[in-house]
Amino acid sequence: MYGIAPKLPLTVSHSEGIISTKELKENVQQNLKNLILTSPGERVMDIEFGVGLRNYLFLNFEESNLEYKISEQIDRYMSYIEVTELNITEDPEHGALSIHLAYSISDVVSDQTLSLTIDPKLMS
């Protein structure tokens, strides 16, 4: 069965081949997560793409521009998303960051959420 785009991480099924996202909201959430986790300079041919969430670990959260960077990247690369809520929390003792993002896809789907936590202990 065909889908919108390959589902990440890439997975192959004997019956389907490469597994794909099947719904627009699933594809948008995957793309949004990719936008937040990709570091600027990491994407070939577009060095400005990405928030680079891992780059904000262990930074002084009050002085970081993370909220602005997320909003700016969504406006630039995913302008069809309307962010309704963005909460960023940190665990300064362990250096972990958590993001809770509520959003709507203009004229298509409302009340979607994306939650991410980056914990430096889990990174290699």
Foldseek 3Di string as FASTA:
>chain_A
DDADAADPPWDQDPVPGTDHDHDPVNVVLRVLVCQACDQQCRDPPGNRGHLNNVVCFLPDVVPDPSVVSSVVNCCVPVVQKDWPDWDWDADNVQRKIKIWTAIARPPPGHGDIDIDMDGPVPPD
